[in-house]
């Protein structure tokens, strides 16, 4: 692909956009920028914005938009973004998207990966993890050969954020705060929709095809 990609990936928690961001990043040689990751990097690097974010996190408060946007602005100014980038987890709200516009950041593509809520709940609530070796399984799609135990023998557990009630709460937040971005970017004529498939490679094929349009 000859054109420069400046992509925003949208999708509910569990829709798989993080994995798609990694695949697109590798294929086109452009950075996948995860909000959580760059906030942690900014804190570790001791930047002014990182120090500000750290003070909010240590006090148990949410990092405000002004700080998150400042960290994003600093990250997009780095040289590896000159050839393009992928934003995963930002913007989360219409005001954050408007702030991107005010920064003069030109977005070329917005892809929304659509997966029904009931499928997301089934995907995430069926996930099992091993606290000892870190292996991840799924009771339906990728079960352990040892049943309720990991291949290393340790009992498998459910992560607290994979509990159905927690997943449903995260989905409510997504629909309330983030989903309006689809209308925001549709009006700009750059929104593309991908229906998430059962197989990762099928979703990837559809995502890459959407970028070619």
Foldseek 3Di string as FASTA:
>chain_A
DPDFAAEEEAEFVQLCVVVLQVVVCVVQVAEEDELVVLLVVCLVVVDPLNVLCVVQVVVVHHRDLVSSLVSVLVVCPDPSCPRYYYYYPPPQAVVRVVVCVVSVNDHQAYEYADDDLVVSLQALLQWWAFPPPGDIAGVPPGAAPVHQAHPVGGGIDRDPCSHSVNSVVSRVSSVVGRPVVQVVVVVVVRYDYFYRDPDPVVSSVRVVVSVVD
